[in-house]
C-alpha cells in the first residue's frame, strides 16, 4: 500500500472508535465516522486490484457501489492504515478495519456480525495462506459468503485478490521468510511441494472456474500461473480453467453482468484460458502443455468475462515445452 502524506491523521470532525474485544479475544477493530451502522442499498461489483500502490479510481468505484454505507477492510495483520485514505476518497457513513489474526478471532460472533453489517468489503494484501488457514470453515467465511449472496460489493488487492477466485494459490507451507515462488521452480516440477492450489473459499459466480493472481508481470508470474492451471486440469478439478491475472498498479473493475474495465498505470491484466490438457504434468518432470490463449488488457481495455472476449487489448497464444514458455508474440514476449 502506498503511504500518503497525512494518511495516518484523522479527518476533522471524525471520531476514532476502537471497540476493545474481551481480554481473551485477539481481533482488532478500528472505526471512524458514525458509530451507528447505516441501512443503505448496495449493488454488486468486484474490484480486482493487482497490488503495489493503491488506485484511487478503484476505491472510488467500490465505494460507489455502496454510497453512504459502511466500508470495511479485512486483514489478518496490521492496523488501520486504510481508514483515513479510503474515508478521504469516498462519502461514507463509516470506515473501518477489522484485523482477524487467527482462528480464535474468526470464531468470535462479534467479528461475523461486523462483516454482515458492512455494505462494501475490501480484503487487504499480505499473506493469503493466513486467510485460508484462519478464516476458511469459520463464521468469517460464512459472513463473507452471505455478503456476496446479498449482492454487495467486494474487492481485494494482492493476497486479498488471490482469494477471490474459485482456484487459489494458497501458499500453504511457505515460511514467512520464504522467497516468492518463482516461475522457474514450478515449470521444471509442477508437483513441487510449494505448488499448493486450493478452491472454494468464496462463491463469486463470475469467478467460478477461475484462478486469480497478482503482481503479475512485475514479479514474472506467468510461468507459475500456467503451472497452476496445468495442475488444476491434471488433478481433475476442471478441463478448461481460466485465469484473471492483474499486474501491480492495475485493477479490473468487474460488473455483475460480466463486463469489466481495466484501470491504472501498470501493465494491466491478463485473461488466460486453457484449450487442451497437459502432455506432461507430473512430479520432477518439466511441464509440457500447449495453446493457452492469452488476452493482454492494458489500461482502458474492456473485457467480457462471460464471453471471454475483449476490446482494446492484444490476443496471443502461449505453450510450455519441457518447462520453457514459448509465445506467438513478436520476439517471443510472454507479457
C-alpha atoms as a PDB file:
ATOM      1  CA  UNK A   1       0.000   0.000   0.000  1.00  0.00           C
ATOM      2  CA  UNK A   2       1.292   3.454  -0.881  1.00  0.00           C
ATOM      3  CA  UNK A   3       1.941   5.690   2.120  1.00  0.00           C
ATOM      4  CA  UNK A   4       0.343   9.086   1.607  1.00  0.00           C
ATOM      5  CA  UNK A   5       1.104  12.255   3.496  1.00  0.00           C
ATOM      6  CA  UNK A   6      -1.407  12.669   6.252  1.00  0.00           C
ATOM      7  CA  UNK A   7      -2.862   9.204   5.805  1.00  0.00           C
ATOM      8  CA  UNK A   8      -2.479   8.448   9.485  1.00  0.00           C
ATOM      9  CA  UNK A   9      -4.197  11.684  10.576  1.00  0.00           C
ATOM     10  CA  UNK A  10      -7.853  11.521  11.477  1.00  0.00           C
ATOM     11  CA  UNK A  11     -10.099  13.762   9.441  1.00  0.00           C
ATOM     12  CA  UNK A  12     -11.519  16.714  11.327  1.00  0.00           C
ATOM     13  CA  UNK A  13     -14.818  16.040  12.971  1.00  0.00           C
ATOM     14  CA  UNK A  14     -14.476  12.251  12.848  1.00  0.00           C
ATOM     15  CA  UNK A  15     -14.026  10.179  15.965  1.00  0.00           C
ATOM     16  CA  UNK A  16     -11.849   7.085  16.166  1.00  0.00           C
ATOM     17  CA  UNK A  17     -13.816   4.186  17.583  1.00  0.00           C
ATOM     18  CA  UNK A  18     -11.749   1.213  18.722  1.00  0.00           C
ATOM     19  CA  UNK A  19     -14.061  -1.450  20.048  1.00  0.00           C
ATOM     20  CA  UNK A  20     -11.982  -3.283  22.594  1.00  0.00           C
ATOM     21  CA  UNK A  21     -12.738  -7.009  22.473  1.00  0.00           C
ATOM     22  CA  UNK A  22     -12.815  -9.199  25.527  1.00  0.00           C
ATOM     23  CA  UNK A  23      -9.449  -9.863  27.061  1.00  0.00           C
ATOM     24  CA  UNK A  24      -9.302 -13.350  25.561  1.00  0.00           C
ATOM     25  CA  UNK A  25     -10.066 -12.071  22.044  1.00  0.00           C
ATOM     26  CA  UNK A  26      -7.381 -11.340  19.513  1.00  0.00           C
ATOM     27  CA  UNK A  27      -9.231  -9.389  16.821  1.00  0.00           C
ATOM     28  CA  UNK A  28      -8.838  -5.620  16.450  1.00  0.00           C
ATOM     29  CA  UNK A  29     -11.486  -3.231  15.165  1.00  0.00           C
ATOM     30  CA  UNK A  30     -10.818   0.390  14.210  1.00  0.00           C
ATOM     31  CA  UNK A  31     -13.648   2.632  13.032  1.00  0.00           C
ATOM     32  CA  UNK A  32     -14.069   6.263  12.060  1.00  0.00           C
ATOM     33  CA  UNK A  33     -17.270   8.061  11.175  1.00  0.00           C
ATOM     34  CA  UNK A  34     -20.674   7.170  12.550  1.00  0.00           C
ATOM     35  CA  UNK A  35     -20.833   4.642  15.361  1.00  0.00           C
ATOM     36  CA  UNK A  36     -24.257   3.531  14.101  1.00  0.00           C
ATOM     37  CA  UNK A  37     -24.494   1.311  11.038  1.00  0.00           C
ATOM     38  CA  UNK A  38     -26.269   2.710   8.013  1.00  0.00           C
ATOM     39  CA  UNK A  39     -29.118   0.992   6.210  1.00  0.00           C
ATOM     40  CA  UNK A  40     -28.220   1.917   2.644  1.00  0.00           C
ATOM     41  CA  UNK A  41     -28.706  -0.082  -0.530  1.00  0.00           C
ATOM     42  CA  UNK A  42     -25.615  -1.651  -2.097  1.00  0.00           C
ATOM     43  CA  UNK A  43     -25.068  -3.164  -5.535  1.00  0.00           C
ATOM     44  CA  UNK A  44     -22.752  -5.949  -6.631  1.00  0.00           C
ATOM     45  CA  UNK A  45     -19.338  -5.333  -8.130  1.00  0.00           C
ATOM     46  CA  UNK A  46     -15.837  -6.767  -7.838  1.00  0.00           C
ATOM     47  CA  UNK A  47     -12.660  -4.664  -7.659  1.00  0.00           C
ATOM     48  CA  UNK A  48      -9.713  -6.897  -8.570  1.00  0.00           C
ATOM     49  CA  UNK A  49      -6.542  -4.998  -7.661  1.00  0.00           C
ATOM     50  CA  UNK A  50      -3.097  -6.309  -8.543  1.00  0.00           C
ATOM     51  CA  UNK A  51      -1.080  -4.943  -5.619  1.00  0.00           C
ATOM     52  CA  UNK A  52       1.530  -2.226  -5.316  1.00  0.00           C
ATOM     53  CA  UNK A  53       0.355   1.377  -4.975  1.00  0.00           C
ATOM     54  CA  UNK A  54      -3.369   1.691  -4.300  1.00  0.00           C
ATOM     55  CA  UNK A  55      -5.577   3.121  -7.028  1.00  0.00           C
ATOM     56  CA  UNK A  56      -7.916   5.946  -6.056  1.00  0.00           C
ATOM     57  CA  UNK A  57     -10.165   5.177  -9.037  1.00  0.00           C
ATOM     58  CA  UNK A  58     -10.686   1.576  -7.962  1.00  0.00           C
ATOM     59  CA  UNK A  59     -11.602   2.527  -4.396  1.00  0.00           C
ATOM     60  CA  UNK A  60     -13.989   5.256  -5.555  1.00  0.00           C
ATOM     61  CA  UNK A  61     -15.661   2.720  -7.848  1.00  0.00           C
ATOM     62  CA  UNK A  62     -16.037   0.251  -4.975  1.00  0.00           C
ATOM     63  CA  UNK A  63     -17.412   2.957  -2.670  1.00  0.00           C
ATOM     64  CA  UNK A  64     -19.848   3.955  -5.402  1.00  0.00           C
ATOM     65  CA  UNK A  65     -21.412   0.516  -5.141  1.00  0.00           C
ATOM     66  CA  UNK A  66     -22.389   1.331  -1.532  1.00  0.00           C
ATOM     67  CA  UNK A  67     -22.914   5.125  -1.414  1.00  0.00           C
ATOM     68  CA  UNK A  68     -23.159   6.481   2.110  1.00  0.00           C
ATOM     69  CA  UNK A  69     -22.670   2.990   3.521  1.00  0.00           C
ATOM     70  CA  UNK A  70     -20.289   1.290   5.899  1.00  0.00           C
ATOM     71  CA  UNK A  71     -16.979   0.317   4.266  1.00  0.00           C
ATOM     72  CA  UNK A  72     -14.940  -2.456   5.897  1.00  0.00           C
ATOM     73  CA  UNK A  73     -11.327  -3.500   5.282  1.00  0.00           C
ATOM     74  CA  UNK A  74     -10.411  -7.023   6.339  1.00  0.00           C
ATOM     75  CA  UNK A  75      -6.897  -8.248   7.091  1.00  0.00           C
ATOM     76  CA  UNK A  76      -5.077 -10.864   9.127  1.00  0.00           C
ATOM     77  CA  UNK A  77      -2.365  -8.497  10.360  1.00  0.00           C
ATOM     78  CA  UNK A  78      -1.603  -4.816  10.620  1.00  0.00           C
ATOM     79  CA  UNK A  79      -3.553  -1.797  11.761  1.00  0.00           C
ATOM     80  CA  UNK A  80      -5.926   0.871  10.414  1.00  0.00           C
ATOM     81  CA  UNK A  81      -3.724   2.275   7.622  1.00  0.00           C
ATOM     82  CA  UNK A  82      -6.587   2.274   5.101  1.00  0.00           C
ATOM     83  CA  UNK A  83      -9.133   4.129   7.220  1.00  0.00           C
ATOM     84  CA  UNK A  84      -8.154   7.741   6.611  1.00  0.00           C
ATOM     85  CA  UNK A  85      -7.179   7.070   2.975  1.00  0.00           C
ATOM     86  CA  UNK A  86     -10.483   5.493   1.892  1.00  0.00           C
ATOM     87  CA  UNK A  87     -12.551   7.864   4.013  1.00  0.00           C
ATOM     88  CA  UNK A  88     -10.869  10.790   2.253  1.00  0.00           C
ATOM     89  CA  UNK A  89     -11.873   9.415  -1.154  1.00  0.00           C
ATOM     90  CA  UNK A  90     -15.472   8.443  -0.502  1.00  0.00           C
ATOM     91  CA  UNK A  91     -18.730   9.625   1.002  1.00  0.00           C
ATOM     92  CA  UNK A  92     -19.315   7.009   3.687  1.00  0.00           C
ATOM     93  CA  UNK A  93     -21.329   6.508   6.840  1.00  0.00           C
ATOM     94  CA  UNK A  94     -18.312   4.844   8.427  1.00  0.00           C
ATOM     95  CA  UNK A  95     -14.907   3.480   7.514  1.00  0.00           C
ATOM     96  CA  UNK A  96     -13.469   0.577   9.496  1.00  0.00           C
ATOM     97  CA  UNK A  97     -10.695  -2.004   9.575  1.00  0.00           C
ATOM     98  CA  UNK A  98     -11.142  -5.428  11.126  1.00  0.00           C
ATOM     99  CA  UNK A  99      -7.995  -7.467  11.832  1.00  0.00           C
ATOM    100  CA  UNK A 100      -8.694 -11.203  12.237  1.00  0.00           C
ATOM    101  CA  UNK A 101      -5.293 -12.726  13.076  1.00  0.00           C
ATOM    102  CA  UNK A 102      -6.158 -16.347  13.940  1.00  0.00           C
ATOM    103  CA  UNK A 103      -8.909 -18.952  14.017  1.00  0.00           C
ATOM    104  CA  UNK A 104      -9.862 -17.990  17.551  1.00  0.00           C
ATOM    105  CA  UNK A 105     -10.725 -14.489  16.414  1.00  0.00           C
ATOM    106  CA  UNK A 106     -12.591 -15.861  13.385  1.00  0.00           C
ATOM    107  CA  UNK A 107     -14.924 -17.750  15.753  1.00  0.00           C
ATOM    108  CA  UNK A 108     -15.968 -14.597  17.592  1.00  0.00           C
ATOM    109  CA  UNK A 109     -19.689 -13.812  16.996  1.00  0.00           C
ATOM    110  CA  UNK A 110     -18.938 -10.072  17.032  1.00  0.00           C
ATOM    111  CA  UNK A 111     -16.470 -10.496  14.167  1.00  0.00           C
ATOM    112  CA  UNK A 112     -19.019 -12.151  11.889  1.00  0.00           C
ATOM    113  CA  UNK A 113     -21.574  -9.529  12.925  1.00  0.00           C
ATOM    114  CA  UNK A 114     -19.286  -6.674  11.892  1.00  0.00           C
ATOM    115  CA  UNK A 115     -18.806  -8.286   8.468  1.00  0.00           C
ATOM    116  CA  UNK A 116     -22.536  -8.834   7.979  1.00  0.00           C
ATOM    117  CA  UNK A 117     -23.328  -5.171   8.666  1.00  0.00           C
ATOM    118  CA  UNK A 118     -20.871  -3.793   6.082  1.00  0.00           C
ATOM    119  CA  UNK A 119     -22.154  -2.544   2.727  1.00  0.00           C
ATOM    120  CA  UNK A 120     -18.735  -2.812   0.997  1.00  0.00           C
ATOM    121  CA  UNK A 121     -15.778  -5.054   1.863  1.00  0.00           C
ATOM    122  CA  UNK A 122     -12.147  -4.874   0.803  1.00  0.00           C
ATOM    123  CA  UNK A 123      -9.613  -7.618   1.637  1.00  0.00           C
ATOM    124  CA  UNK A 124      -6.137  -6.177   2.002  1.00  0.00           C
ATOM    125  CA  UNK A 125      -2.809  -7.593   0.909  1.00  0.00           C
ATOM    126  CA  UNK A 126      -0.483  -9.704   2.978  1.00  0.00           C
ATOM    127  CA  UNK A 127      -0.290 -13.499   3.063  1.00  0.00           C
ATOM    128  CA  UNK A 128      -3.197 -15.440   1.546  1.00  0.00           C
ATOM    129  CA  UNK A 129      -2.229 -18.575   3.468  1.00  0.00           C
ATOM    130  CA  UNK A 130      -3.380 -16.740   6.606  1.00  0.00           C
ATOM    131  CA  UNK A 131      -6.772 -16.015   5.068  1.00  0.00           C
ATOM    132  CA  UNK A 132      -7.182 -19.689   4.170  1.00  0.00           C
ATOM    133  CA  UNK A 133      -5.749 -21.073   7.423  1.00  0.00           C
ATOM    134  CA  UNK A 134      -7.524 -18.621   9.732  1.00  0.00           C
ATOM    135  CA  UNK A 135     -10.860 -17.921   8.020  1.00  0.00           C
ATOM    136  CA  UNK A 136     -11.900 -20.957   5.979  1.00  0.00           C
ATOM    137  CA  UNK A 137     -14.640 -23.087   7.600  1.00  0.00           C
ATOM    138  CA  UNK A 138     -15.379 -20.397  10.201  1.00  0.00           C
ATOM    139  CA  UNK A 139     -18.161 -17.822  10.708  1.00  0.00           C
ATOM    140  CA  UNK A 140     -15.945 -15.328   8.853  1.00  0.00           C
ATOM    141  CA  UNK A 141     -16.191 -17.386   5.684  1.00  0.00           C
ATOM    142  CA  UNK A 142     -19.952 -17.747   6.224  1.00  0.00           C
ATOM    143  CA  UNK A 143     -20.359 -13.990   6.661  1.00  0.00           C
ATOM    144  CA  UNK A 144     -18.342 -13.237   3.527  1.00  0.00           C
ATOM    145  CA  UNK A 145     -20.444 -15.662   1.502  1.00  0.00           C
ATOM    146  CA  UNK A 146     -23.617 -14.085   2.907  1.00  0.00           C
ATOM    147  CA  UNK A 147     -22.292 -10.653   1.886  1.00  0.00           C
ATOM    148  CA  UNK A 148     -21.847 -11.866  -1.688  1.00  0.00           C
ATOM    149  CA  UNK A 149     -25.201 -13.672  -1.755  1.00  0.00           C
ATOM    150  CA  UNK A 150     -26.874 -10.404  -0.725  1.00  0.00           C
ATOM    151  CA  UNK A 151     -25.455  -8.707  -3.831  1.00  0.00           C
ATOM    152  CA  UNK A 152     -22.988  -6.456  -2.014  1.00  0.00           C
ATOM    153  CA  UNK A 153     -19.636  -5.352  -3.487  1.00  0.00           C
ATOM    154  CA  UNK A 154     -16.224  -6.738  -2.588  1.00  0.00           C
ATOM    155  CA  UNK A 155     -12.650  -6.045  -3.624  1.00  0.00           C
ATOM    156  CA  UNK A 156      -9.158  -7.160  -2.829  1.00  0.00           C
ATOM    157  CA  UNK A 157      -5.537  -6.405  -3.555  1.00  0.00           C
ATOM    158  CA  UNK A 158      -2.557  -8.760  -3.703  1.00  0.00           C
ATOM    159  CA  UNK A 159      -3.373 -11.607  -1.284  1.00  0.00           C
ATOM    160  CA  UNK A 160      -6.877 -10.175  -0.989  1.00  0.00           C
ATOM    161  CA  UNK A 161      -7.401 -10.652  -4.716  1.00  0.00           C
ATOM    162  CA  UNK A 162      -5.774 -14.090  -4.707  1.00  0.00           C
ATOM    163  CA  UNK A 163      -8.590 -15.479  -2.516  1.00  0.00           C
ATOM    164  CA  UNK A 164     -11.482 -14.132  -4.622  1.00  0.00           C
ATOM    165  CA  UNK A 165     -11.317 -16.699  -7.425  1.00  0.00           C
ATOM    166  CA  UNK A 166     -12.578 -20.267  -7.172  1.00  0.00           C
ATOM    167  CA  UNK A 167      -8.990 -21.508  -7.511  1.00  0.00           C
ATOM    168  CA  UNK A 168      -6.367 -20.067  -5.152  1.00  0.00           C
ATOM    169  CA  UNK A 169      -2.617 -20.352  -4.893  1.00  0.00           C
ATOM    170  CA  UNK A 170      -2.744 -20.742  -1.136  1.00  0.00           C
ATOM    171  CA  UNK A 171       0.986 -20.518  -0.304  1.00  0.00           C
ATOM    172  CA  UNK A 172       0.427 -23.373   2.150  1.00  0.00           C
ATOM    173  CA  UNK A 173       3.619 -24.480   3.844  1.00  0.00           C
ATOM    174  CA  UNK A 174       5.573 -21.366   2.898  1.00  0.00           C
ATOM    175  CA  UNK A 175       7.605 -19.963   5.769  1.00  0.00           C
ATOM    176  CA  UNK A 176       7.253 -16.216   6.439  1.00  0.00           C
ATOM    177  CA  UNK A 177      10.778 -15.591   5.143  1.00  0.00           C
ATOM    178  CA  UNK A 178      10.453 -17.825   2.047  1.00  0.00           C
ATOM    179  CA  UNK A 179      11.263 -16.125  -1.258  1.00  0.00           C
ATOM    180  CA  UNK A 180       8.449 -15.690  -3.753  1.00  0.00           C
ATOM    181  CA  UNK A 181       7.537 -18.956  -5.507  1.00  0.00           C
ATOM    182  CA  UNK A 182       9.238 -18.475  -8.880  1.00  0.00           C
ATOM    183  CA  UNK A 183       8.015 -19.468 -12.325  1.00  0.00           C
ATOM    184  CA  UNK A 184      11.349 -21.195 -12.970  1.00  0.00           C
ATOM    185  CA  UNK A 185      10.779 -23.510  -9.985  1.00  0.00           C
ATOM    186  CA  UNK A 186       7.270 -24.576 -10.946  1.00  0.00           C
ATOM    187  CA  UNK A 187       7.846 -25.098 -14.671  1.00  0.00           C
ATOM    188  CA  UNK A 188      10.505 -27.761 -14.096  1.00  0.00           C
ATOM    189  CA  UNK A 189       8.486 -29.540 -11.386  1.00  0.00           C
ATOM    190  CA  UNK A 190       4.707 -28.927 -11.391  1.00  0.00           C
ATOM    191  CA  UNK A 191       4.355 -31.083  -8.267  1.00  0.00           C
ATOM    192  CA  UNK A 192       6.889 -29.150  -6.233  1.00  0.00           C
ATOM    193  CA  UNK A 193       5.529 -29.219  -2.637  1.00  0.00           C
ATOM    194  CA  UNK A 194       5.129 -25.428  -2.652  1.00  0.00           C
ATOM    195  CA  UNK A 195       2.726 -25.592  -5.626  1.00  0.00           C
ATOM    196  CA  UNK A 196      -0.394 -25.602  -3.457  1.00  0.00           C
ATOM    197  CA  UNK A 197      -3.722 -24.764  -5.074  1.00  0.00           C
ATOM    198  CA  UNK A 198      -6.949 -24.667  -3.040  1.00  0.00           C
ATOM    199  CA  UNK A 199     -10.523 -23.967  -4.007  1.00  0.00           C
ATOM    200  CA  UNK A 200     -13.946 -22.794  -2.833  1.00  0.00           C
ATOM    201  CA  UNK A 201     -13.109 -20.148  -0.258  1.00  0.00           C
ATOM    202  CA  UNK A 202     -15.716 -17.728  -1.610  1.00  0.00           C
ATOM    203  CA  UNK A 203     -18.515 -18.166  -4.132  1.00  0.00           C
ATOM    204  CA  UNK A 204     -18.382 -15.410  -6.758  1.00  0.00           C
ATOM    205  CA  UNK A 205     -20.274 -16.732  -9.750  1.00  0.00           C
ATOM    206  CA  UNK A 206     -18.338 -14.658 -12.288  1.00  0.00           C
ATOM    207  CA  UNK A 207     -15.074 -16.051 -10.878  1.00  0.00           C
ATOM    208  CA  UNK A 208     -16.123 -19.693 -10.886  1.00  0.00           C
ATOM    209  CA  UNK A 209     -13.612 -21.886 -12.707  1.00  0.00           C
ATOM    210  CA  UNK A 210     -11.144 -19.008 -12.390  1.00  0.00           C
ATOM    211  CA  UNK A 211      -7.740 -18.567 -10.788  1.00  0.00           C
ATOM    212  CA  UNK A 212      -6.861 -15.024  -9.692  1.00  0.00           C
ATOM    213  CA  UNK A 213      -3.257 -13.846  -9.419  1.00  0.00           C
ATOM    214  CA  UNK A 214      -1.491 -10.570  -8.662  1.00  0.00           C
ATOM    215  CA  UNK A 215       1.801  -8.636  -9.040  1.00  0.00           C
ATOM    216  CA  UNK A 216       1.786 -10.470 -12.337  1.00  0.00           C
ATOM    217  CA  UNK A 217       4.235  -9.072 -14.892  1.00  0.00           C
ATOM    218  CA  UNK A 218       6.150  -7.182 -12.214  1.00  0.00           C
ATOM    219  CA  UNK A 219       7.122 -10.435 -10.464  1.00  0.00           C
ATOM    220  CA  UNK A 220       7.259 -12.623 -13.594  1.00  0.00           C
ATOM    221  CA  UNK A 221       4.442 -14.924 -12.546  1.00  0.00           C
ATOM    222  CA  UNK A 222       3.292 -16.142 -15.961  1.00  0.00           C
ATOM    223  CA  UNK A 223       5.149 -19.462 -15.795  1.00  0.00           C
ATOM    224  CA  UNK A 224       3.893 -20.351 -12.347  1.00  0.00           C
ATOM    225  CA  UNK A 225       0.331 -19.397 -13.323  1.00  0.00           C
ATOM    226  CA  UNK A 226       0.476 -21.716 -16.320  1.00  0.00           C
ATOM    227  CA  UNK A 227       1.708 -24.410 -13.929  1.00  0.00           C
ATOM    228  CA  UNK A 228      -1.205 -23.779 -11.550  1.00  0.00           C
ATOM    229  CA  UNK A 229      -3.647 -24.101 -14.465  1.00  0.00           C
ATOM    230  CA  UNK A 230      -1.948 -27.319 -15.564  1.00  0.00           C
ATOM    231  CA  UNK A 231      -2.306 -28.734 -12.054  1.00  0.00           C
ATOM    232  CA  UNK A 232      -5.998 -27.813 -11.944  1.00  0.00           C
ATOM    233  CA  UNK A 233      -6.527 -29.815 -15.124  1.00  0.00           C
ATOM    234  CA  UNK A 234      -4.232 -32.705 -14.185  1.00  0.00           C
ATOM    235  CA  UNK A 235      -5.821 -33.062 -10.747  1.00  0.00           C
ATOM    236  CA  UNK A 236      -9.286 -33.313 -12.284  1.00  0.00           C
ATOM    237  CA  UNK A 237     -10.783 -30.080 -10.972  1.00  0.00           C
ATOM    238  CA  UNK A 238     -11.579 -28.560 -14.382  1.00  0.00           C
ATOM    239  CA  UNK A 239     -10.902 -29.357 -18.017  1.00  0.00           C
ATOM    240  CA  UNK A 240     -10.831 -25.722 -19.111  1.00  0.00           C
ATOM    241  CA  UNK A 241      -9.939 -23.404 -16.216  1.00  0.00           C
ATOM    242  CA  UNK A 242      -9.364 -19.692 -16.704  1.00  0.00           C
ATOM    243  CA  UNK A 243      -7.283 -17.041 -15.015  1.00  0.00           C
ATOM    244  CA  UNK A 244      -7.512 -13.316 -14.382  1.00  0.00           C
ATOM    245  CA  UNK A 245      -4.009 -12.088 -13.548  1.00  0.00           C
ATOM    246  CA  UNK A 246      -3.569  -8.426 -12.614  1.00  0.00           C
ATOM    247  CA  UNK A 247      -0.311  -6.504 -12.577  1.00  0.00           C
ATOM    248  CA  UNK A 248       0.784  -4.027  -9.916  1.00  0.00           C
ATOM    249  CA  UNK A 249      -0.871  -0.594 -10.049  1.00  0.00           C
ATOM    250  CA  UNK A 250      -3.671  -2.045 -12.165  1.00  0.00           C
ATOM    251  CA  UNK A 251      -7.212  -3.141 -11.399  1.00  0.00           C
ATOM    252  CA  UNK A 252     -10.060  -4.937 -13.118  1.00  0.00           C
ATOM    253  CA  UNK A 253     -13.430  -3.408 -12.210  1.00  0.00           C
ATOM    254  CA  UNK A 254     -15.953  -6.165 -12.830  1.00  0.00           C
ATOM    255  CA  UNK A 255     -19.690  -5.538 -13.073  1.00  0.00           C
ATOM    256  CA  UNK A 256     -22.257  -8.247 -12.251  1.00  0.00           C
ATOM    257  CA  UNK A 257     -23.177  -8.569 -15.947  1.00  0.00           C
ATOM    258  CA  UNK A 258     -19.629  -9.760 -16.658  1.00  0.00           C
ATOM    259  CA  UNK A 259     -18.404  -6.525 -18.248  1.00  0.00           C
ATOM    260  CA  UNK A 260     -15.035  -5.385 -16.924  1.00  0.00           C
ATOM    261  CA  UNK A 261     -12.848  -2.315 -17.339  1.00  0.00           C
ATOM    262  CA  UNK A 262      -9.093  -2.201 -16.711  1.00  0.00           C
ATOM    263  CA  UNK A 263      -7.727   0.879 -14.918  1.00  0.00           C
ATOM    264  CA  UNK A 264      -4.393   2.039 -13.531  1.00  0.00           C
ATOM    265  CA  UNK A 265      -0.929   2.858 -14.897  1.00  0.00           C
ATOM    266  CA  UNK A 266       0.502  -0.646 -14.502  1.00  0.00           C
ATOM    267  CA  UNK A 267       0.707  -3.233 -17.262  1.00  0.00           C
ATOM    268  CA  UNK A 268      -2.945  -4.103 -16.898  1.00  0.00           C
ATOM    269  CA  UNK A 269      -4.459  -7.567 -16.745  1.00  0.00           C
ATOM    270  CA  UNK A 270      -4.013 -10.910 -18.471  1.00  0.00           C
ATOM    271  CA  UNK A 271      -7.007 -13.122 -19.216  1.00  0.00           C
ATOM    272  CA  UNK A 272      -5.747 -16.681 -19.747  1.00  0.00           C
ATOM    273  CA  UNK A 273      -7.681 -19.790 -20.791  1.00  0.00           C
ATOM    274  CA  UNK A 274      -6.803 -23.466 -21.195  1.00  0.00           C
ATOM    275  CA  UNK A 275      -7.557 -25.105 -24.553  1.00  0.00           C
ATOM    276  CA  UNK A 276      -6.110 -28.600 -24.118  1.00  0.00           C
ATOM    277  CA  UNK A 277      -4.779 -30.860 -21.356  1.00  0.00           C
ATOM    278  CA  UNK A 278      -1.102 -31.094 -20.461  1.00  0.00           C
ATOM    279  CA  UNK A 279       1.087 -33.566 -22.296  1.00  0.00           C
ATOM    280  CA  UNK A 280       3.392 -33.874 -19.288  1.00  0.00           C
ATOM    281  CA  UNK A 281       2.440 -32.734 -15.800  1.00  0.00           C
ATOM    282  CA  UNK A 282       3.953 -34.911 -13.096  1.00  0.00           C
ATOM    283  CA  UNK A 283       6.471 -34.946 -10.275  1.00  0.00           C
ATOM    284  CA  UNK A 284      10.055 -33.985 -11.143  1.00  0.00           C
ATOM    285  CA  UNK A 285       9.245 -33.637 -14.854  1.00  0.00           C
ATOM    286  CA  UNK A 286       9.268 -30.315 -16.746  1.00  0.00           C
ATOM    287  CA  UNK A 287       5.790 -29.190 -17.768  1.00  0.00           C
ATOM    288  CA  UNK A 288       4.602 -29.567 -21.349  1.00  0.00           C
ATOM    289  CA  UNK A 289       1.220 -28.008 -22.161  1.00  0.00           C
ATOM    290  CA  UNK A 290       0.208 -26.171 -25.308  1.00  0.00           C
ATOM    291  CA  UNK A 291      -2.085 -23.474 -26.659  1.00  0.00           C
ATOM    292  CA  UNK A 292      -3.018 -21.333 -23.692  1.00  0.00           C
ATOM    293  CA  UNK A 293      -4.941 -18.329 -25.003  1.00  0.00           C
ATOM    294  CA  UNK A 294      -3.887 -15.003 -23.508  1.00  0.00           C
ATOM    295  CA  UNK A 295      -5.556 -11.606 -23.796  1.00  0.00           C
ATOM    296  CA  UNK A 296      -3.407  -8.749 -22.508  1.00  0.00           C
ATOM    297  CA  UNK A 297      -5.649  -5.894 -21.431  1.00  0.00           C
ATOM    298  CA  UNK A 298      -3.833  -2.628 -20.658  1.00  0.00           C
ATOM    299  CA  UNK A 299      -5.433   0.423 -19.080  1.00  0.00           C
ATOM    300  CA  UNK A 300      -8.654   1.388 -20.849  1.00  0.00           C
ATOM    301  CA  UNK A 301      -9.397  -2.094 -22.181  1.00  0.00           C
ATOM    302  CA  UNK A 302     -12.859  -3.592 -21.828  1.00  0.00           C
ATOM    303  CA  UNK A 303     -13.317  -7.325 -21.297  1.00  0.00           C
ATOM    304  CA  UNK A 304     -16.407  -9.525 -21.018  1.00  0.00           C
ATOM    305  CA  UNK A 305     -15.696 -12.461 -18.702  1.00  0.00           C
ATOM    306  CA  UNK A 306     -18.892 -14.261 -19.718  1.00  0.00           C
ATOM    307  CA  UNK A 307     -17.985 -14.245 -23.404  1.00  0.00           C
ATOM    308  CA  UNK A 308     -14.232 -14.192 -22.622  1.00  0.00           C
ATOM    309  CA  UNK A 309     -13.583 -11.539 -25.265  1.00  0.00           C
ATOM    310  CA  UNK A 310     -12.086  -8.065 -25.086  1.00  0.00           C
ATOM    311  CA  UNK A 311     -11.695  -4.812 -26.967  1.00  0.00           C
ATOM    312  CA  UNK A 312      -8.565  -2.677 -26.910  1.00  0.00           C
ATOM    313  CA  UNK A 313      -6.059  -5.367 -25.942  1.00  0.00           C
ATOM    314  CA  UNK A 314      -3.779  -7.923 -27.592  1.00  0.00           C
ATOM    315  CA  UNK A 315      -4.528 -11.635 -28.090  1.00  0.00           C
ATOM    316  CA  UNK A 316      -1.808 -14.282 -28.402  1.00  0.00           C
ATOM    317  CA  UNK A 317      -1.007 -17.888 -27.540  1.00  0.00           C
ATOM    318  CA  UNK A 318       1.490 -19.456 -25.146  1.00  0.00           C
ATOM    319  CA  UNK A 319       2.773 -23.006 -24.938  1.00  0.00           C
ATOM    320  CA  UNK A 320       5.108 -24.709 -22.500  1.00  0.00           C
ATOM    321  CA  UNK A 321       7.595 -27.169 -23.962  1.00  0.00           C
ATOM    322  CA  UNK A 322       9.629 -29.108 -21.415  1.00  0.00           C
ATOM    323  CA  UNK A 323       9.477 -26.281 -18.918  1.00  0.00           C
ATOM    324  CA  UNK A 324      10.104 -23.423 -21.359  1.00  0.00           C
ATOM    325  CA  UNK A 325       7.375 -20.895 -22.167  1.00  0.00           C
ATOM    326  CA  UNK A 326       7.014 -20.079 -25.874  1.00  0.00           C
ATOM    327  CA  UNK A 327       4.917 -17.227 -27.294  1.00  0.00           C
ATOM    328  CA  UNK A 328       3.344 -16.363 -30.631  1.00  0.00           C
ATOM    329  CA  UNK A 329       4.058 -12.682 -29.944  1.00  0.00           C
ATOM    330  CA  UNK A 330       6.783 -10.902 -31.882  1.00  0.00           C
ATOM    331  CA  UNK A 331      10.146 -11.563 -30.260  1.00  0.00           C
ATOM    332  CA  UNK A 332       8.665 -14.355 -28.166  1.00  0.00           C
ATOM    333  CA  UNK A 333       7.387 -11.952 -25.497  1.00  0.00           C
ATOM    334  CA  UNK A 334       5.210 -13.633 -22.899  1.00  0.00           C
ATOM    335  CA  UNK A 335       3.778 -10.417 -21.378  1.00  0.00           C
END
